[in-house]
């Protein structure tokens, strides 16, 4: 079995995925809040 050296794992793919997840979550929350504000303004 190969010896693992701490700090040598390539994490760029995980970092890119996490950044995409954070961006998607942020925009989802913004859209949901906009919809809620719109519904409150039109009295639905």
PDB file of N, CA and C in Angstrom:
ATOM      1  N   UNK A   1       0.848  -1.177   0.000  1.00  0.00           N
ATOM      2  CA  UNK A   1       0.000   0.000   0.000  1.00  0.00           C
ATOM      3  C   UNK A   1       0.896   1.244   0.000  1.00  0.00           C
ATOM      4  N   UNK A   2       0.499   2.228  -0.785  1.00  0.00           N
ATOM      5  CA  UNK A   2       1.297   3.451  -0.898  1.00  0.00           C
ATOM      6  C   UNK A   2       1.226   4.259   0.390  1.00  0.00           C
ATOM      7  N   UNK A   3       2.313   4.909   0.700  1.00  0.00           N
ATOM      8  CA  UNK A   3       2.379   5.756   1.898  1.00  0.00           C
ATOM      9  C   UNK A   3       1.720   7.111   1.594  1.00  0.00           C
ATOM     10  N   UNK A   4       0.819   7.527   2.467  1.00  0.00           N
ATOM     11  CA  UNK A   4       0.138   8.817   2.292  1.00  0.00           C
ATOM     12  C   UNK A   4       0.927   9.904   3.002  1.00  0.00           C
ATOM     13  N   UNK A   5       1.153  10.998   2.283  1.00  0.00           N
ATOM     14  CA  UNK A   5       1.826  12.145   2.869  1.00  0.00           C
ATOM     15  C   UNK A   5       0.794  13.256   3.017  1.00  0.00           C
ATOM     16  N   UNK A   6       0.618  13.714   4.254  1.00  0.00           N
ATOM     17  CA  UNK A   6      -0.390  14.736   4.541  1.00  0.00           C
ATOM     18  C   UNK A   6      -0.130  15.999   3.713  1.00  0.00           C
ATOM     19  N   UNK A   7      -1.210  16.507   3.063  1.00  0.00           N
ATOM     20  CA  UNK A   7      -1.107  17.736   2.294  1.00  0.00           C
ATOM     21  C   UNK A   7      -0.727  17.557   0.843  1.00  0.00           C
ATOM     22  N   UNK A   8      -0.698  16.325   0.339  1.00  0.00           N
ATOM     23  CA  UNK A   8      -0.287  16.100  -1.050  1.00  0.00           C
ATOM     24  C   UNK A   8      -1.456  15.785  -1.983  1.00  0.00           C
ATOM     25  N   UNK A   9      -2.664  15.698  -1.445  1.00  0.00           N
ATOM     26  CA  UNK A   9      -3.814  15.360  -2.279  1.00  0.00           C
ATOM     27  C   UNK A   9      -4.202  16.548  -3.164  1.00  0.00           C
ATOM     28  N   UNK A  10      -4.534  16.279  -4.409  1.00  0.00           N
ATOM     29  CA  UNK A  10      -4.990  17.312  -5.344  1.00  0.00           C
ATOM     30  C   UNK A  10      -6.454  17.632  -5.030  1.00  0.00           C
ATOM     31  N   UNK A  11      -6.741  18.854  -4.647  1.00  0.00           N
ATOM     32  CA  UNK A  11      -8.100  19.223  -4.228  1.00  0.00           C
ATOM     33  C   UNK A  11      -8.752  20.263  -5.130  1.00  0.00           C
ATOM     34  N   UNK A  12      -8.176  20.553  -6.277  1.00  0.00           N
ATOM     35  CA  UNK A  12      -8.751  21.604  -7.128  1.00  0.00           C
ATOM     36  C   UNK A  12     -10.156  21.239  -7.613  1.00  0.00           C
ATOM     37  N   UNK A  13     -10.421  19.970  -7.884  1.00  0.00           N
ATOM     38  CA  UNK A  13     -11.755  19.561  -8.332  1.00  0.00           C
ATOM     39  C   UNK A  13     -12.777  19.753  -7.212  1.00  0.00           C
ATOM     40  N   UNK A  14     -12.391  19.386  -5.984  1.00  0.00           N
ATOM     41  CA  UNK A  14     -13.295  19.570  -4.854  1.00  0.00           C
ATOM     42  C   UNK A  14     -13.548  21.051  -4.591  1.00  0.00           C
ATOM     43  N   UNK A  15     -12.513  21.877  -4.713  1.00  0.00           N
ATOM     44  CA  UNK A  15     -12.676  23.313  -4.489  1.00  0.00           C
ATOM     45  C   UNK A  15     -13.594  23.934  -5.538  1.00  0.00           C
ATOM     46  N   UNK A  16     -13.472  23.501  -6.776  1.00  0.00           N
ATOM     47  CA  UNK A  16     -14.326  24.014  -7.847  1.00  0.00           C
ATOM     48  C   UNK A  16     -15.784  23.589  -7.615  1.00  0.00           C
ATOM     49  N   UNK A  17     -15.987  22.350  -7.202  1.00  0.00           N
ATOM     50  CA  UNK A  17     -17.331  21.860  -6.919  1.00  0.00           C
ATOM     51  C   UNK A  17     -17.953  22.620  -5.763  1.00  0.00           C
ATOM     52  N   UNK A  18     -17.185  22.847  -4.713  1.00  0.00           N
ATOM     53  CA  UNK A  18     -17.693  23.575  -3.552  1.00  0.00           C
ATOM     54  C   UNK A  18     -18.044  25.015  -3.925  1.00  0.00           C
ATOM     55  N   UNK A  19     -17.215  25.654  -4.724  1.00  0.00           N
ATOM     56  CA  UNK A  19     -17.498  27.023  -5.158  1.00  0.00           C
ATOM     57  C   UNK A  19     -18.796  27.067  -5.969  1.00  0.00           C
ATOM     58  N   UNK A  20     -19.012  26.083  -6.812  1.00  0.00           N
ATOM     59  CA  UNK A  20     -20.251  26.002  -7.585  1.00  0.00           C
ATOM     60  C   UNK A  20     -21.454  25.785  -6.686  1.00  0.00           C
ATOM     61  N   UNK A  21     -21.300  24.943  -5.665  1.00  0.00           N
ATOM     62  CA  UNK A  21     -22.381  24.697  -4.714  1.00  0.00           C
ATOM     63  C   UNK A  21     -22.744  25.965  -3.959  1.00  0.00           C
ATOM     64  N   UNK A  22     -21.743  26.702  -3.509  1.00  0.00           N
ATOM     65  CA  UNK A  22     -21.986  27.940  -2.765  1.00  0.00           C
ATOM     66  C   UNK A  22     -22.679  28.969  -3.660  1.00  0.00           C
ATOM     67  N   UNK A  23     -22.230  29.099  -4.905  1.00  0.00           N
ATOM     68  CA  UNK A  23     -22.849  30.050  -5.829  1.00  0.00           C
ATOM     69  C   UNK A  23     -24.300  29.670  -6.118  1.00  0.00           C
ATOM     70  N   UNK A  24     -24.559  28.388  -6.344  1.00  0.00           N
ATOM     71  CA  UNK A  24     -25.918  27.925  -6.607  1.00  0.00           C
ATOM     72  C   UNK A  24     -26.822  28.173  -5.413  1.00  0.00           C
ATOM     73  N   UNK A  25     -26.327  27.898  -4.222  1.00  0.00           N
ATOM     74  CA  UNK A  25     -27.107  28.124  -3.012  1.00  0.00           C
ATOM     75  C   UNK A  25     -27.413  29.604  -2.834  1.00  0.00           C
ATOM     76  N   UNK A  26     -26.414  30.448  -3.056  1.00  0.00           N
ATOM     77  CA  UNK A  26     -26.604  31.897  -2.910  1.00  0.00           C
ATOM     78  C   UNK A  26     -27.680  32.400  -3.867  1.00  0.00           C
ATOM     79  N   UNK A  27     -27.600  32.032  -5.124  1.00  0.00           N
ATOM     80  CA  UNK A  27     -28.570  32.512  -6.106  1.00  0.00           C
ATOM     81  C   UNK A  27     -29.951  31.913  -5.872  1.00  0.00           C
ATOM     82  N   UNK A  28     -30.018  30.692  -5.389  1.00  0.00           N
ATOM     83  CA  UNK A  28     -31.315  30.083  -5.060  1.00  0.00           C
ATOM     84  C   UNK A  28     -32.004  30.859  -3.950  1.00  0.00           C
ATOM     85  N   UNK A  29     -31.248  31.215  -2.922  1.00  0.00           N
ATOM     86  CA  UNK A  29     -31.819  31.991  -1.816  1.00  0.00           C
ATOM     87  C   UNK A  29     -32.285  33.360  -2.307  1.00  0.00           C
ATOM     88  N   UNK A  30     -31.501  33.995  -3.149  1.00  0.00           N
ATOM     89  CA  UNK A  30     -31.886  35.302  -3.683  1.00  0.00           C
ATOM     90  C   UNK A  30     -33.188  35.206  -4.485  1.00  0.00           C
ATOM     91  N   UNK A  31     -33.298  34.204  -5.332  1.00  0.00           N
ATOM     92  CA  UNK A  31     -34.507  34.028  -6.148  1.00  0.00           C
ATOM     93  C   UNK A  31     -35.716  33.731  -5.262  1.00  0.00           C
ATOM     94  N   UNK A  32     -35.549  32.864  -4.266  1.00  0.00           N
ATOM     95  CA  UNK A  32     -36.657  32.530  -3.371  1.00  0.00           C
ATOM     96  C   UNK A  32     -37.120  33.765  -2.606  1.00  0.00           C
ATOM     97  N   UNK A  33     -36.171  34.565  -2.115  1.00  0.00           N
ATOM     98  CA  UNK A  33     -36.546  35.787  -1.404  1.00  0.00           C
ATOM     99  C   UNK A  33     -37.255  36.771  -2.324  1.00  0.00           C
ATOM    100  N   UNK A  34     -36.800  36.885  -3.559  1.00  0.00           N
ATOM    101  CA  UNK A  34     -37.459  37.774  -4.516  1.00  0.00           C
ATOM    102  C   UNK A  34     -38.895  37.319  -4.777  1.00  0.00           C
ATOM    103  N   UNK A  35     -39.082  36.028  -4.910  1.00  0.00           N
ATOM    104  CA  UNK A  35     -40.443  35.495  -5.121  1.00  0.00           C
ATOM    105  C   UNK A  35     -41.337  35.792  -3.912  1.00  0.00           C
ATOM    106  N   UNK A  36     -40.790  35.602  -2.719  1.00  0.00           N
ATOM    107  CA  UNK A  36     -41.571  35.873  -1.504  1.00  0.00           C
ATOM    108  C   UNK A  36     -41.942  37.352  -1.394  1.00  0.00           C
ATOM    109  N   UNK A  37     -41.001  38.244  -1.712  1.00  0.00           N
ATOM    110  CA  UNK A  37     -41.288  39.673  -1.681  1.00  0.00           C
ATOM    111  C   UNK A  37     -42.354  40.012  -2.724  1.00  0.00           C
ATOM    112  N   UNK A  38     -42.239  39.464  -3.918  1.00  0.00           N
ATOM    113  CA  UNK A  38     -43.237  39.693  -4.960  1.00  0.00           C
ATOM    114  C   UNK A  38     -44.616  39.231  -4.515  1.00  0.00           C
ATOM    115  N   UNK A  39     -44.687  38.039  -3.939  1.00  0.00           N
ATOM    116  CA  UNK A  39     -45.980  37.519  -3.472  1.00  0.00           C
ATOM    117  C   UNK A  39     -46.561  38.393  -2.352  1.00  0.00           C
ATOM    118  N   UNK A  40     -45.687  38.901  -1.482  1.00  0.00           N
ATOM    119  CA  UNK A  40     -46.170  39.775  -0.405  1.00  0.00           C
ATOM    120  C   UNK A  40     -46.700  41.092  -0.973  1.00  0.00           C
ATOM    121  N   UNK A  41     -46.061  41.623  -2.008  1.00  0.00           N
ATOM    122  CA  UNK A  41     -46.476  42.895  -2.594  1.00  0.00           C
ATOM    123  C   UNK A  41     -47.794  42.794  -3.369  1.00  0.00           C
ATOM    124  N   UNK A  42     -48.017  41.669  -4.033  1.00  0.00           N
ATOM    125  CA  UNK A  42     -49.247  41.527  -4.811  1.00  0.00           C
ATOM    126  C   UNK A  42     -50.386  40.956  -3.974  1.00  0.00           C
ATOM    127  N   UNK A  43     -50.121  40.585  -2.741  1.00  0.00           N
ATOM    128  CA  UNK A  43     -51.167  40.130  -1.826  1.00  0.00           C
ATOM    129  C   UNK A  43     -51.630  38.714  -2.070  1.00  0.00           C
ATOM    130  N   UNK A  44     -50.775  37.879  -2.554  1.00  0.00           N
ATOM    131  CA  UNK A  44     -51.165  36.487  -2.815  1.00  0.00           C
ATOM    132  C   UNK A  44     -51.278  35.688  -1.533  1.00  0.00           C
TER     133      UNK A  44
END
